[in-house]
N, C-alpha and C. Protein backbone atom coordinates (compact mmCIF):
# COMPACT_ATOMS: atom_id res chain seq x y z
N MET A 1 -66.68 21.13 -78.39
CA MET A 1 -66.73 21.67 -76.97
C MET A 1 -67.71 20.85 -76.16
N LEU A 2 -67.36 20.43 -75.01
CA LEU A 2 -68.19 19.59 -74.15
C LEU A 2 -69.31 20.45 -73.63
N LYS A 3 -70.44 20.00 -73.77
CA LYS A 3 -71.70 20.63 -73.22
C LYS A 3 -71.87 20.22 -71.81
N LYS A 4 -71.83 21.20 -70.91
CA LYS A 4 -71.87 20.89 -69.44
C LYS A 4 -73.34 20.71 -69.03
N THR A 5 -73.58 19.57 -68.45
CA THR A 5 -74.88 19.31 -67.92
C THR A 5 -74.98 19.89 -66.53
N PRO A 6 -76.24 20.08 -66.04
CA PRO A 6 -76.35 20.61 -64.59
C PRO A 6 -75.65 19.79 -63.61
N ALA A 7 -75.71 18.46 -63.88
CA ALA A 7 -75.00 17.52 -62.80
C ALA A 7 -73.47 17.82 -62.88
N LEU A 8 -72.95 17.98 -64.05
CA LEU A 8 -71.48 18.29 -64.12
C LEU A 8 -71.19 19.63 -63.58
N LEU A 9 -72.02 20.65 -63.74
CA LEU A 9 -71.75 21.87 -63.18
C LEU A 9 -71.69 21.89 -61.71
N LEU A 10 -72.68 21.07 -61.20
CA LEU A 10 -72.80 21.01 -59.71
C LEU A 10 -71.50 20.42 -59.18
N ALA A 11 -71.03 19.33 -59.83
CA ALA A 11 -69.90 18.57 -59.35
C ALA A 11 -68.66 19.54 -59.48
N ILE A 12 -68.62 20.43 -60.48
CA ILE A 12 -67.45 21.31 -60.57
C ILE A 12 -67.50 22.36 -59.43
N LEU A 13 -68.71 22.82 -59.17
CA LEU A 13 -68.88 23.87 -58.11
C LEU A 13 -68.48 23.17 -56.72
N MET A 14 -68.89 21.88 -56.57
CA MET A 14 -68.68 21.26 -55.24
C MET A 14 -67.19 21.12 -54.95
N PHE A 15 -66.44 20.88 -56.00
CA PHE A 15 -65.06 20.54 -55.88
C PHE A 15 -64.12 21.70 -56.00
N LEU A 16 -64.58 22.74 -56.75
CA LEU A 16 -63.75 23.94 -57.00
C LEU A 16 -63.19 24.63 -55.85
N PRO A 17 -64.00 24.88 -54.77
CA PRO A 17 -63.47 25.70 -53.69
C PRO A 17 -62.32 25.03 -52.95
N VAL A 18 -62.30 23.65 -52.81
CA VAL A 18 -61.23 22.96 -52.24
C VAL A 18 -59.96 22.99 -53.05
N THR A 19 -60.22 22.57 -54.43
CA THR A 19 -59.04 22.36 -55.23
C THR A 19 -58.33 23.68 -55.58
N VAL A 20 -59.07 24.76 -55.68
CA VAL A 20 -58.50 26.03 -56.07
C VAL A 20 -57.85 26.73 -54.93
N PHE A 21 -58.57 26.67 -53.66
CA PHE A 21 -58.11 27.52 -52.57
C PHE A 21 -57.55 26.56 -51.36
N ALA A 22 -57.27 25.30 -51.77
CA ALA A 22 -56.70 24.44 -50.72
C ALA A 22 -55.46 24.99 -50.02
N ALA A 23 -54.67 25.66 -50.87
CA ALA A 23 -53.27 26.18 -50.23
C ALA A 23 -53.47 27.40 -49.41
N ASP A 24 -54.72 28.02 -49.62
CA ASP A 24 -54.96 29.29 -48.84
C ASP A 24 -55.16 29.14 -47.37
N TYR A 25 -55.82 28.04 -46.95
CA TYR A 25 -56.20 27.85 -45.57
C TYR A 25 -55.63 26.54 -45.07
N GLU A 26 -54.87 26.67 -43.97
CA GLU A 26 -54.13 25.46 -43.35
C GLU A 26 -54.60 25.17 -42.02
N ALA A 27 -54.75 23.90 -41.73
CA ALA A 27 -55.04 23.40 -40.39
C ALA A 27 -53.92 23.86 -39.40
N GLY A 28 -54.36 24.31 -38.22
CA GLY A 28 -53.38 24.68 -37.28
C GLY A 28 -52.95 26.14 -37.41
N LYS A 29 -53.39 26.81 -38.53
CA LYS A 29 -53.05 28.17 -38.82
C LYS A 29 -54.40 28.98 -38.99
N HIS A 30 -55.06 28.63 -39.99
CA HIS A 30 -56.37 29.43 -40.26
C HIS A 30 -57.55 28.84 -39.56
N TYR A 31 -57.48 27.55 -39.17
CA TYR A 31 -58.51 26.82 -38.45
C TYR A 31 -57.87 25.71 -37.61
N MET A 32 -58.52 25.40 -36.48
CA MET A 32 -58.03 24.44 -35.60
C MET A 32 -58.72 23.08 -35.81
N LEU A 33 -57.90 22.01 -35.59
CA LEU A 33 -58.55 20.68 -35.58
C LEU A 33 -59.03 20.35 -34.20
N ILE A 34 -60.23 19.91 -34.04
CA ILE A 34 -60.75 19.52 -32.63
C ILE A 34 -60.27 18.07 -32.48
N PRO A 35 -59.39 17.97 -31.40
CA PRO A 35 -58.88 16.60 -31.13
C PRO A 35 -59.79 15.34 -31.09
N MET A 36 -60.93 15.60 -30.42
CA MET A 36 -61.95 14.50 -30.48
C MET A 36 -63.14 15.11 -31.08
N PRO A 37 -63.49 14.88 -32.31
CA PRO A 37 -64.63 15.39 -33.07
C PRO A 37 -65.84 15.14 -32.34
N VAL A 38 -66.78 16.14 -32.39
CA VAL A 38 -68.15 16.05 -31.75
C VAL A 38 -69.13 15.72 -32.77
N PRO A 39 -69.94 14.67 -32.63
CA PRO A 39 -70.89 14.30 -33.59
C PRO A 39 -71.94 15.33 -33.83
N ALA A 40 -72.28 15.58 -35.18
CA ALA A 40 -73.21 16.61 -35.63
C ALA A 40 -74.63 16.14 -35.22
N ARG A 41 -75.56 17.00 -34.97
CA ARG A 41 -76.96 16.69 -34.70
C ARG A 41 -77.71 15.95 -35.92
N ASP A 42 -77.26 16.31 -37.11
CA ASP A 42 -77.84 15.65 -38.27
C ASP A 42 -76.65 15.41 -39.26
N GLU A 43 -76.23 14.16 -39.18
CA GLU A 43 -75.12 13.71 -39.90
C GLU A 43 -75.28 13.65 -41.48
N SER A 44 -76.55 13.81 -41.87
CA SER A 44 -76.77 13.83 -43.32
C SER A 44 -76.46 15.23 -43.91
N LYS A 45 -76.20 16.25 -42.99
CA LYS A 45 -75.93 17.54 -43.44
C LYS A 45 -74.50 18.02 -42.90
N ILE A 46 -74.11 19.17 -43.39
CA ILE A 46 -72.88 19.68 -43.02
C ILE A 46 -73.21 20.74 -41.96
N GLU A 47 -72.78 20.56 -40.64
CA GLU A 47 -73.22 21.33 -39.53
C GLU A 47 -72.24 22.45 -39.35
N VAL A 48 -72.77 23.66 -39.11
CA VAL A 48 -71.97 24.78 -38.77
C VAL A 48 -72.65 25.53 -37.52
N VAL A 49 -71.75 25.62 -36.41
CA VAL A 49 -72.25 26.20 -35.22
C VAL A 49 -71.50 27.39 -34.88
N GLU A 50 -72.20 28.55 -34.47
CA GLU A 50 -71.50 29.68 -34.05
C GLU A 50 -71.72 29.80 -32.56
N LEU A 51 -70.52 29.77 -31.78
CA LEU A 51 -70.62 29.99 -30.31
C LEU A 51 -70.55 31.51 -30.09
N PHE A 52 -71.43 32.01 -29.19
CA PHE A 52 -71.59 33.42 -29.03
C PHE A 52 -71.96 33.71 -27.61
N TRP A 53 -71.83 34.97 -27.20
CA TRP A 53 -72.47 35.55 -26.03
C TRP A 53 -73.10 36.89 -26.31
N TYR A 54 -74.31 37.10 -25.75
CA TYR A 54 -74.92 38.41 -26.06
C TYR A 54 -74.13 39.60 -25.57
N GLY A 55 -73.40 39.46 -24.51
CA GLY A 55 -72.55 40.58 -24.02
C GLY A 55 -71.22 40.77 -24.65
N CYS A 56 -70.94 40.05 -25.67
CA CYS A 56 -69.70 40.10 -26.39
C CYS A 56 -69.86 40.98 -27.57
N SER A 57 -69.03 42.11 -27.42
CA SER A 57 -69.15 43.13 -28.58
C SER A 57 -68.70 42.65 -29.90
N HIS A 58 -67.68 41.75 -29.87
CA HIS A 58 -67.28 41.07 -31.09
C HIS A 58 -68.38 40.33 -31.79
N CYS A 59 -69.19 39.58 -30.92
CA CYS A 59 -70.27 38.85 -31.46
C CYS A 59 -71.40 39.75 -32.02
N PHE A 60 -71.60 40.82 -31.31
CA PHE A 60 -72.56 41.83 -31.83
C PHE A 60 -72.17 42.44 -33.11
N ARG A 61 -70.86 42.71 -33.39
CA ARG A 61 -70.42 43.21 -34.70
C ARG A 61 -70.51 42.02 -35.71
N PHE A 62 -70.29 40.76 -35.32
CA PHE A 62 -70.22 39.69 -36.16
C PHE A 62 -71.64 39.28 -36.71
N GLU A 63 -72.64 39.54 -35.96
CA GLU A 63 -74.02 39.11 -36.20
C GLU A 63 -74.57 39.58 -37.59
N PRO A 64 -74.35 40.84 -38.06
CA PRO A 64 -74.80 41.23 -39.30
C PRO A 64 -74.07 40.43 -40.43
N LEU A 65 -72.78 40.11 -40.24
CA LEU A 65 -72.13 39.34 -41.25
C LEU A 65 -72.65 37.92 -41.37
N VAL A 66 -73.05 37.40 -40.20
CA VAL A 66 -73.56 35.99 -40.13
C VAL A 66 -74.93 35.97 -40.79
N LYS A 67 -75.75 36.97 -40.50
CA LYS A 67 -77.07 37.08 -41.14
C LYS A 67 -77.03 37.04 -42.63
N LYS A 68 -76.15 37.89 -43.16
CA LYS A 68 -75.94 37.91 -44.61
C LYS A 68 -75.41 36.63 -45.16
N TRP A 69 -74.45 36.04 -44.44
CA TRP A 69 -73.87 34.75 -44.91
C TRP A 69 -74.82 33.77 -44.99
N LYS A 70 -75.86 33.68 -43.97
CA LYS A 70 -76.88 32.67 -43.95
C LYS A 70 -77.73 32.63 -45.18
N THR A 71 -77.93 33.68 -45.80
CA THR A 71 -78.72 33.76 -47.01
C THR A 71 -78.04 33.10 -48.24
N THR A 72 -76.77 32.78 -48.11
CA THR A 72 -75.92 32.16 -49.22
C THR A 72 -75.69 30.78 -49.06
N ILE A 73 -75.96 30.07 -47.89
CA ILE A 73 -75.61 28.81 -47.67
C ILE A 73 -76.58 27.81 -48.33
N ALA A 74 -76.09 26.71 -48.70
CA ALA A 74 -76.94 25.64 -49.45
C ALA A 74 -77.79 24.86 -48.54
N ASP A 75 -78.70 24.20 -49.05
CA ASP A 75 -79.64 23.27 -48.34
C ASP A 75 -78.94 22.28 -47.49
N ASP A 76 -77.80 21.89 -47.89
CA ASP A 76 -77.10 20.79 -47.22
C ASP A 76 -76.25 21.24 -46.06
N VAL A 77 -76.40 22.55 -45.71
CA VAL A 77 -75.75 23.11 -44.55
C VAL A 77 -76.67 23.38 -43.44
N ASP A 78 -76.46 22.84 -42.17
CA ASP A 78 -77.22 22.93 -41.09
C ASP A 78 -76.57 24.02 -40.11
N PHE A 79 -77.06 25.20 -40.13
CA PHE A 79 -76.41 26.29 -39.27
C PHE A 79 -77.27 26.60 -38.05
N ARG A 80 -76.61 26.80 -36.96
CA ARG A 80 -77.33 27.35 -35.73
C ARG A 80 -76.33 28.04 -34.88
N HIS A 81 -76.87 28.86 -33.97
CA HIS A 81 -76.16 29.48 -32.90
C HIS A 81 -76.10 28.61 -31.71
N SER A 82 -75.08 28.71 -30.85
CA SER A 82 -75.11 28.05 -29.57
C SER A 82 -74.45 28.93 -28.52
N PRO A 83 -75.11 29.22 -27.43
CA PRO A 83 -74.48 30.14 -26.51
C PRO A 83 -73.31 29.48 -25.69
N ALA A 84 -72.29 30.39 -25.57
CA ALA A 84 -71.19 29.90 -24.78
C ALA A 84 -71.37 30.36 -23.33
N MET A 85 -70.74 29.60 -22.44
CA MET A 85 -70.93 30.03 -20.96
C MET A 85 -69.90 29.62 -20.13
N TRP A 86 -69.16 30.43 -19.51
CA TRP A 86 -68.16 30.05 -18.52
C TRP A 86 -68.28 30.78 -17.20
N ASN A 87 -69.50 31.38 -17.04
CA ASN A 87 -69.85 31.91 -15.77
C ASN A 87 -71.37 31.98 -15.61
N GLU A 88 -71.83 32.36 -14.36
CA GLU A 88 -73.23 32.37 -14.14
C GLU A 88 -74.04 33.31 -14.99
N VAL A 89 -73.45 34.53 -15.29
CA VAL A 89 -74.07 35.51 -16.13
C VAL A 89 -74.36 34.90 -17.49
N MET A 90 -73.35 34.18 -18.03
CA MET A 90 -73.45 33.68 -19.38
C MET A 90 -74.55 32.47 -19.43
N LYS A 91 -74.60 31.75 -18.26
CA LYS A 91 -75.58 30.66 -18.15
C LYS A 91 -77.08 31.30 -18.26
N THR A 92 -77.15 32.48 -17.53
CA THR A 92 -78.46 33.12 -17.51
C THR A 92 -78.79 33.53 -18.98
N HIS A 93 -77.84 34.15 -19.71
CA HIS A 93 -78.09 34.57 -20.98
C HIS A 93 -78.33 33.46 -22.00
N ALA A 94 -77.69 32.29 -21.72
CA ALA A 94 -78.00 31.11 -22.51
C ALA A 94 -79.40 30.69 -22.38
N LYS A 95 -79.95 30.89 -21.21
CA LYS A 95 -81.42 30.52 -21.01
C LYS A 95 -82.21 31.48 -21.79
N VAL A 96 -81.84 32.68 -21.91
CA VAL A 96 -82.61 33.65 -22.74
C VAL A 96 -82.74 33.10 -24.10
N TYR A 97 -81.64 32.65 -24.68
CA TYR A 97 -81.72 32.12 -26.14
C TYR A 97 -82.59 30.91 -26.24
N PHE A 98 -82.56 29.96 -25.29
CA PHE A 98 -83.40 28.76 -25.43
C PHE A 98 -84.84 29.00 -25.05
N ALA A 99 -85.04 30.00 -24.16
CA ALA A 99 -86.51 30.29 -23.86
C ALA A 99 -87.07 30.98 -24.98
N ALA A 100 -86.36 31.87 -25.58
CA ALA A 100 -86.85 32.47 -26.90
C ALA A 100 -87.19 31.52 -27.96
N ASP A 101 -86.35 30.53 -28.12
CA ASP A 101 -86.45 29.52 -29.15
C ASP A 101 -87.86 28.63 -28.76
N ALA A 102 -87.94 28.30 -27.50
CA ALA A 102 -89.00 27.52 -27.09
C ALA A 102 -90.43 28.23 -27.32
N LEU A 103 -90.33 29.58 -27.12
CA LEU A 103 -91.56 30.37 -27.24
C LEU A 103 -91.83 30.82 -28.73
N GLY A 104 -90.87 30.49 -29.59
CA GLY A 104 -91.11 30.82 -31.03
C GLY A 104 -90.86 32.33 -31.37
N VAL A 105 -89.96 32.93 -30.51
CA VAL A 105 -89.75 34.42 -30.76
C VAL A 105 -88.19 34.60 -30.87
N LEU A 106 -87.45 33.68 -31.27
CA LEU A 106 -86.03 33.76 -31.22
C LEU A 106 -85.52 34.83 -32.16
N ASP A 107 -86.21 34.89 -33.37
CA ASP A 107 -85.79 35.91 -34.29
C ASP A 107 -85.79 37.34 -33.80
N LYS A 108 -86.86 37.52 -33.02
CA LYS A 108 -87.03 38.91 -32.39
C LYS A 108 -86.21 39.04 -31.13
N VAL A 109 -86.16 38.11 -30.32
CA VAL A 109 -85.45 38.26 -29.06
C VAL A 109 -83.89 38.33 -29.18
N HIS A 110 -83.46 37.43 -30.16
CA HIS A 110 -81.94 37.38 -30.42
C HIS A 110 -81.36 38.70 -30.68
N GLN A 111 -81.90 39.42 -31.59
CA GLN A 111 -81.37 40.75 -31.93
C GLN A 111 -81.67 41.79 -30.84
N ALA A 112 -82.84 41.66 -30.20
CA ALA A 112 -83.21 42.68 -29.19
C ALA A 112 -82.21 42.41 -27.86
N MET A 113 -81.86 41.21 -27.65
CA MET A 113 -80.92 40.95 -26.53
C MET A 113 -79.48 41.53 -26.83
N PHE A 114 -79.12 41.33 -28.12
CA PHE A 114 -77.77 41.93 -28.53
C PHE A 114 -77.88 43.42 -28.48
N ASP A 115 -78.93 43.96 -28.81
CA ASP A 115 -79.00 45.48 -28.79
C ASP A 115 -79.07 45.99 -27.31
N ALA A 116 -79.78 45.28 -26.47
CA ALA A 116 -80.01 45.72 -25.07
C ALA A 116 -78.61 45.76 -24.40
N MET A 117 -77.82 44.82 -24.66
CA MET A 117 -76.48 44.78 -23.94
C MET A 117 -75.42 45.56 -24.65
N ASN A 118 -75.47 45.73 -26.01
CA ASN A 118 -74.38 46.41 -26.72
C ASN A 118 -74.69 47.81 -27.17
N VAL A 119 -75.91 48.12 -27.32
CA VAL A 119 -76.26 49.44 -27.68
C VAL A 119 -76.84 50.27 -26.46
N ASP A 120 -77.76 49.65 -25.73
CA ASP A 120 -78.40 50.31 -24.48
C ASP A 120 -77.49 50.13 -23.28
N ARG A 121 -76.44 49.27 -23.45
CA ARG A 121 -75.45 49.05 -22.35
C ARG A 121 -76.23 48.47 -21.05
N LYS A 122 -77.23 47.69 -21.24
CA LYS A 122 -77.88 47.09 -20.09
C LYS A 122 -77.13 45.81 -19.70
N LYS A 123 -77.10 45.45 -18.45
CA LYS A 123 -76.48 44.20 -17.93
C LYS A 123 -77.25 42.95 -18.10
N MET A 124 -78.68 43.15 -18.16
CA MET A 124 -79.51 42.03 -18.29
C MET A 124 -79.24 40.88 -17.38
N LEU A 125 -79.11 41.26 -16.12
CA LEU A 125 -78.78 40.19 -15.03
C LEU A 125 -79.95 39.71 -14.39
N SER A 126 -81.04 40.57 -14.14
CA SER A 126 -82.11 39.98 -13.38
C SER A 126 -83.22 39.49 -14.31
N GLU A 127 -84.00 38.49 -13.68
CA GLU A 127 -85.04 37.95 -14.52
C GLU A 127 -86.15 38.95 -14.89
N SER A 128 -86.41 39.88 -13.94
CA SER A 128 -87.42 40.99 -14.32
C SER A 128 -86.96 41.73 -15.51
N GLU A 129 -85.75 42.14 -15.54
CA GLU A 129 -85.25 42.87 -16.72
C GLU A 129 -85.40 42.08 -18.00
N ILE A 130 -84.96 40.87 -17.84
CA ILE A 130 -85.14 39.93 -19.09
C ILE A 130 -86.53 39.66 -19.47
N ALA A 131 -87.50 39.57 -18.43
CA ALA A 131 -88.88 39.41 -18.75
C ALA A 131 -89.38 40.64 -19.52
N THR A 132 -88.95 41.86 -19.17
CA THR A 132 -89.35 43.06 -19.87
C THR A 132 -89.07 42.97 -21.27
N LEU A 133 -87.85 42.54 -21.61
CA LEU A 133 -87.48 42.40 -23.07
C LEU A 133 -88.44 41.46 -23.76
N PHE A 134 -88.72 40.33 -23.16
CA PHE A 134 -89.65 39.38 -23.77
C PHE A 134 -90.98 39.94 -24.00
N ILE A 135 -91.55 40.65 -22.92
CA ILE A 135 -92.77 41.25 -23.01
C ILE A 135 -92.84 42.31 -24.15
N GLU A 136 -91.77 42.98 -24.30
CA GLU A 136 -91.72 43.97 -25.52
C GLU A 136 -91.68 43.33 -26.84
N GLN A 137 -91.42 42.05 -26.81
CA GLN A 137 -91.46 41.20 -28.17
C GLN A 137 -92.76 40.44 -28.30
N GLY A 138 -93.69 40.82 -27.42
CA GLY A 138 -95.05 40.15 -27.53
C GLY A 138 -95.31 38.96 -26.71
N VAL A 139 -94.44 38.63 -25.84
CA VAL A 139 -94.64 37.46 -25.00
C VAL A 139 -95.21 37.78 -23.68
N SER A 140 -96.14 37.02 -23.16
CA SER A 140 -96.72 37.37 -21.84
C SER A 140 -95.83 37.07 -20.72
N LYS A 141 -95.87 37.70 -19.63
CA LYS A 141 -95.06 37.54 -18.48
C LYS A 141 -95.17 36.10 -18.02
N LYS A 142 -96.34 35.55 -17.96
CA LYS A 142 -96.60 34.21 -17.57
C LYS A 142 -95.89 33.17 -18.41
N ASP A 143 -96.05 33.45 -19.73
CA ASP A 143 -95.47 32.44 -20.64
C ASP A 143 -93.87 32.43 -20.57
N PHE A 144 -93.40 33.69 -20.40
CA PHE A 144 -91.85 33.84 -20.28
C PHE A 144 -91.49 33.13 -18.99
N GLU A 145 -92.14 33.37 -17.84
CA GLU A 145 -91.65 32.74 -16.62
C GLU A 145 -91.68 31.26 -16.71
N LYS A 146 -92.70 30.68 -17.33
CA LYS A 146 -92.89 29.22 -17.42
C LYS A 146 -91.69 28.68 -18.34
N ALA A 147 -91.36 29.39 -19.40
CA ALA A 147 -90.35 28.86 -20.27
C ALA A 147 -88.91 29.00 -19.69
N PHE A 148 -88.69 30.22 -19.14
CA PHE A 148 -87.38 30.50 -18.55
C PHE A 148 -87.02 29.62 -17.34
N SER A 149 -88.01 29.13 -16.67
CA SER A 149 -87.76 28.23 -15.54
C SER A 149 -87.89 26.83 -15.80
N SER A 150 -88.17 26.47 -17.08
CA SER A 150 -88.54 25.11 -17.45
C SER A 150 -87.27 24.15 -17.39
N PHE A 151 -87.59 22.87 -17.25
CA PHE A 151 -86.52 21.79 -17.29
C PHE A 151 -85.97 21.75 -18.69
N GLY A 152 -86.78 21.89 -19.72
CA GLY A 152 -86.39 21.91 -21.10
C GLY A 152 -85.35 22.87 -21.43
N VAL A 153 -85.55 24.09 -20.98
CA VAL A 153 -84.61 25.18 -21.21
C VAL A 153 -83.30 24.98 -20.48
N ALA A 154 -83.43 24.56 -19.26
CA ALA A 154 -82.19 24.24 -18.40
C ALA A 154 -81.41 23.14 -19.00
N SER A 155 -82.14 22.15 -19.50
CA SER A 155 -81.47 20.98 -20.12
C SER A 155 -80.66 21.39 -21.36
N ARG A 156 -81.32 22.21 -22.25
CA ARG A 156 -80.70 22.68 -23.46
C ARG A 156 -79.43 23.44 -23.21
N ALA A 157 -79.57 24.30 -22.07
CA ALA A 157 -78.40 25.10 -21.82
C ALA A 157 -77.23 24.16 -21.31
N GLN A 158 -77.54 23.14 -20.57
CA GLN A 158 -76.48 22.26 -20.14
C GLN A 158 -75.87 21.58 -21.35
N GLN A 159 -76.69 21.18 -22.28
CA GLN A 159 -76.23 20.53 -23.49
C GLN A 159 -75.29 21.45 -24.27
N ALA A 160 -75.66 22.73 -24.32
CA ALA A 160 -74.83 23.71 -25.06
C ALA A 160 -73.59 23.90 -24.43
N ASP A 161 -73.50 23.90 -23.13
CA ASP A 161 -72.28 24.09 -22.36
C ASP A 161 -71.41 22.88 -22.62
N ALA A 162 -71.92 21.61 -22.60
CA ALA A 162 -71.11 20.43 -22.86
C ALA A 162 -70.55 20.55 -24.33
N LEU A 163 -71.39 21.03 -25.25
CA LEU A 163 -70.88 21.10 -26.61
C LEU A 163 -69.71 22.09 -26.69
N ALA A 164 -69.86 23.24 -26.14
CA ALA A 164 -68.81 24.13 -26.23
C ALA A 164 -67.47 23.59 -25.57
N ARG A 165 -67.61 22.85 -24.54
CA ARG A 165 -66.51 22.20 -23.92
C ARG A 165 -65.85 21.20 -24.81
N GLY A 166 -66.71 20.42 -25.51
CA GLY A 166 -66.27 19.43 -26.46
C GLY A 166 -65.48 20.07 -27.60
N TYR A 167 -65.95 21.24 -27.98
CA TYR A 167 -65.32 22.03 -29.10
C TYR A 167 -64.01 22.59 -28.68
N LYS A 168 -63.80 22.69 -27.41
CA LYS A 168 -62.57 23.35 -26.85
C LYS A 168 -62.46 24.88 -27.26
N ILE A 169 -63.56 25.59 -27.20
CA ILE A 169 -63.54 26.97 -27.64
C ILE A 169 -62.71 27.83 -26.67
N THR A 170 -62.12 28.93 -27.18
CA THR A 170 -61.30 29.72 -26.30
C THR A 170 -61.83 31.10 -26.17
N GLY A 171 -62.92 31.40 -26.98
CA GLY A 171 -63.49 32.72 -26.84
C GLY A 171 -64.76 32.83 -27.74
N THR A 172 -65.35 34.01 -27.89
CA THR A 172 -66.42 34.21 -28.74
C THR A 172 -66.19 35.45 -29.60
N PRO A 173 -66.74 35.44 -30.84
CA PRO A 173 -67.41 34.43 -31.50
C PRO A 173 -66.35 33.39 -32.09
N GLU A 174 -66.72 32.13 -32.07
CA GLU A 174 -66.06 31.07 -32.84
C GLU A 174 -67.07 30.25 -33.53
N MET A 175 -66.70 29.64 -34.61
CA MET A 175 -67.42 28.79 -35.43
C MET A 175 -66.86 27.35 -35.64
N VAL A 176 -67.73 26.44 -35.64
CA VAL A 176 -67.30 24.96 -35.72
C VAL A 176 -67.92 24.28 -36.93
N VAL A 177 -67.28 23.61 -37.74
CA VAL A 177 -67.84 22.88 -38.87
C VAL A 177 -67.70 21.41 -38.61
N ASN A 178 -68.96 20.72 -38.56
CA ASN A 178 -69.05 19.31 -38.42
C ASN A 178 -68.35 18.74 -37.17
N GLY A 179 -68.21 19.58 -36.22
CA GLY A 179 -67.53 19.05 -34.95
C GLY A 179 -66.07 18.79 -35.11
N LYS A 180 -65.57 19.13 -36.27
CA LYS A 180 -64.16 18.80 -36.48
C LYS A 180 -63.18 20.00 -36.49
N TYR A 181 -63.68 21.12 -37.00
CA TYR A 181 -62.85 22.29 -37.28
C TYR A 181 -63.43 23.56 -36.56
N ARG A 182 -62.45 24.23 -35.84
CA ARG A 182 -62.85 25.38 -35.14
C ARG A 182 -62.16 26.66 -35.80
N VAL A 183 -63.00 27.66 -35.95
CA VAL A 183 -62.44 28.96 -36.61
C VAL A 183 -62.75 30.12 -35.73
N SER A 184 -61.71 30.96 -35.45
CA SER A 184 -61.89 32.18 -34.76
C SER A 184 -61.42 33.38 -35.72
N ALA A 185 -61.71 34.62 -35.22
CA ALA A 185 -61.25 35.67 -35.98
C ALA A 185 -59.83 35.83 -36.01
N SER A 186 -59.16 35.45 -34.83
CA SER A 186 -57.74 35.54 -34.80
C SER A 186 -57.06 34.55 -35.71
N SER A 187 -57.54 33.43 -35.83
CA SER A 187 -57.00 32.36 -36.70
C SER A 187 -57.25 32.59 -38.09
N ALA A 188 -58.40 33.22 -38.42
CA ALA A 188 -58.83 33.44 -39.88
C ALA A 188 -58.21 34.70 -40.41
N GLY A 189 -58.02 35.69 -39.47
CA GLY A 189 -57.46 37.02 -39.92
C GLY A 189 -58.55 38.09 -39.88
N GLY A 190 -59.68 37.76 -39.19
CA GLY A 190 -60.69 38.79 -39.12
C GLY A 190 -62.04 38.17 -39.22
N GLN A 191 -63.12 38.96 -38.94
CA GLN A 191 -64.39 38.29 -38.85
C GLN A 191 -64.86 37.94 -40.38
N ALA A 192 -64.70 38.84 -41.28
CA ALA A 192 -65.17 38.37 -42.63
C ALA A 192 -64.43 37.36 -43.18
N ASP A 193 -63.18 37.17 -42.82
CA ASP A 193 -62.31 36.04 -43.25
C ASP A 193 -62.74 34.74 -42.50
N MET A 194 -63.30 34.84 -41.34
CA MET A 194 -63.83 33.69 -40.66
C MET A 194 -64.83 32.95 -41.64
N LEU A 195 -65.74 33.68 -42.17
CA LEU A 195 -66.74 33.07 -43.07
C LEU A 195 -66.21 32.57 -44.34
N LYS A 196 -65.08 33.14 -44.86
CA LYS A 196 -64.29 32.56 -45.97
C LYS A 196 -63.84 31.18 -45.65
N VAL A 197 -63.23 31.12 -44.50
CA VAL A 197 -62.59 29.85 -43.93
C VAL A 197 -63.72 28.88 -43.76
N ILE A 198 -64.86 29.23 -43.31
CA ILE A 198 -66.00 28.42 -43.05
C ILE A 198 -66.46 27.89 -44.43
N ASN A 199 -66.65 28.70 -45.46
CA ASN A 199 -67.09 28.27 -46.72
C ASN A 199 -66.05 27.22 -47.34
N PHE A 200 -64.80 27.41 -47.11
CA PHE A 200 -63.79 26.48 -47.50
C PHE A 200 -63.98 25.10 -46.81
N LEU A 201 -64.25 25.15 -45.48
CA LEU A 201 -64.38 23.92 -44.73
C LEU A 201 -65.80 23.22 -45.14
N ILE A 202 -66.72 24.00 -45.46
CA ILE A 202 -68.00 23.38 -45.91
C ILE A 202 -67.71 22.70 -47.23
N ALA A 203 -66.98 23.23 -48.08
CA ALA A 203 -66.68 22.70 -49.39
C ALA A 203 -65.86 21.37 -49.20
N LYS A 204 -64.97 21.45 -48.20
CA LYS A 204 -64.04 20.35 -47.82
C LYS A 204 -64.82 19.14 -47.36
N GLU A 205 -65.87 19.49 -46.48
CA GLU A 205 -66.71 18.33 -45.97
C GLU A 205 -67.67 17.93 -47.06
N ARG A 206 -68.12 18.75 -47.89
CA ARG A 206 -69.06 18.33 -48.97
C ARG A 206 -68.25 17.39 -49.94
N GLN A 207 -66.99 17.63 -50.22
CA GLN A 207 -66.16 16.83 -51.07
C GLN A 207 -65.95 15.41 -50.39
N ALA A 208 -65.72 15.46 -49.07
CA ALA A 208 -65.54 14.28 -48.34
C ALA A 208 -66.81 13.39 -48.44
N LYS A 209 -67.93 13.93 -48.19
CA LYS A 209 -69.15 13.28 -48.31
C LYS A 209 -69.43 12.66 -49.68
N ALA A 210 -69.16 13.41 -50.73
CA ALA A 210 -69.31 12.93 -52.03
C ALA A 210 -68.42 11.81 -52.40
N SER A 211 -67.21 11.82 -51.86
CA SER A 211 -66.25 10.72 -52.20
C SER A 211 -66.56 9.29 -51.53
N LYS A 212 -67.46 9.36 -50.52
CA LYS A 212 -67.77 8.12 -49.72
C LYS A 212 -68.60 7.16 -50.58
């Protein structure tokens, strides 16, 4: 009987998801091909981006699943959220995300913003209302105002908008793998199934990188 080395086991695990489940997920059915792929921010890794909006109840329900899924991903996967925006309200909320990131309180503010809009039913339209949320998370009003109105935050919001346009997203939440494949709940068959398709595409990209 062949003794399996750690390297051999790793190779088997890398290729197994694609070879076993390849027939389960089809391009154009369970996931969409992005016509003009968008370069990943770190091409040494497999990038996964979730497009979301704080006011989206589907995104709110998806968030716990994403948090749990994040604990299972390997070190070669680069995951991040990216706010979607197709109106002024969403642009304001995108600035919330990037201001929180700039201030080092994204982990706190991200969930607090989801809760404010989906549990407390707040609109979160005014800067003063948003400032209160940040202050409740330990950020001074002065620091919030400086970050929220900064060029850096505005620039990152514009970049996120361009990214979503490049991905050709049609709603939220949607997830994109390596700028090539776009997955939605409707295409995958449900939110939990979205993550199964994402895992399949990660394995597909891992295999492609290994074969180069």
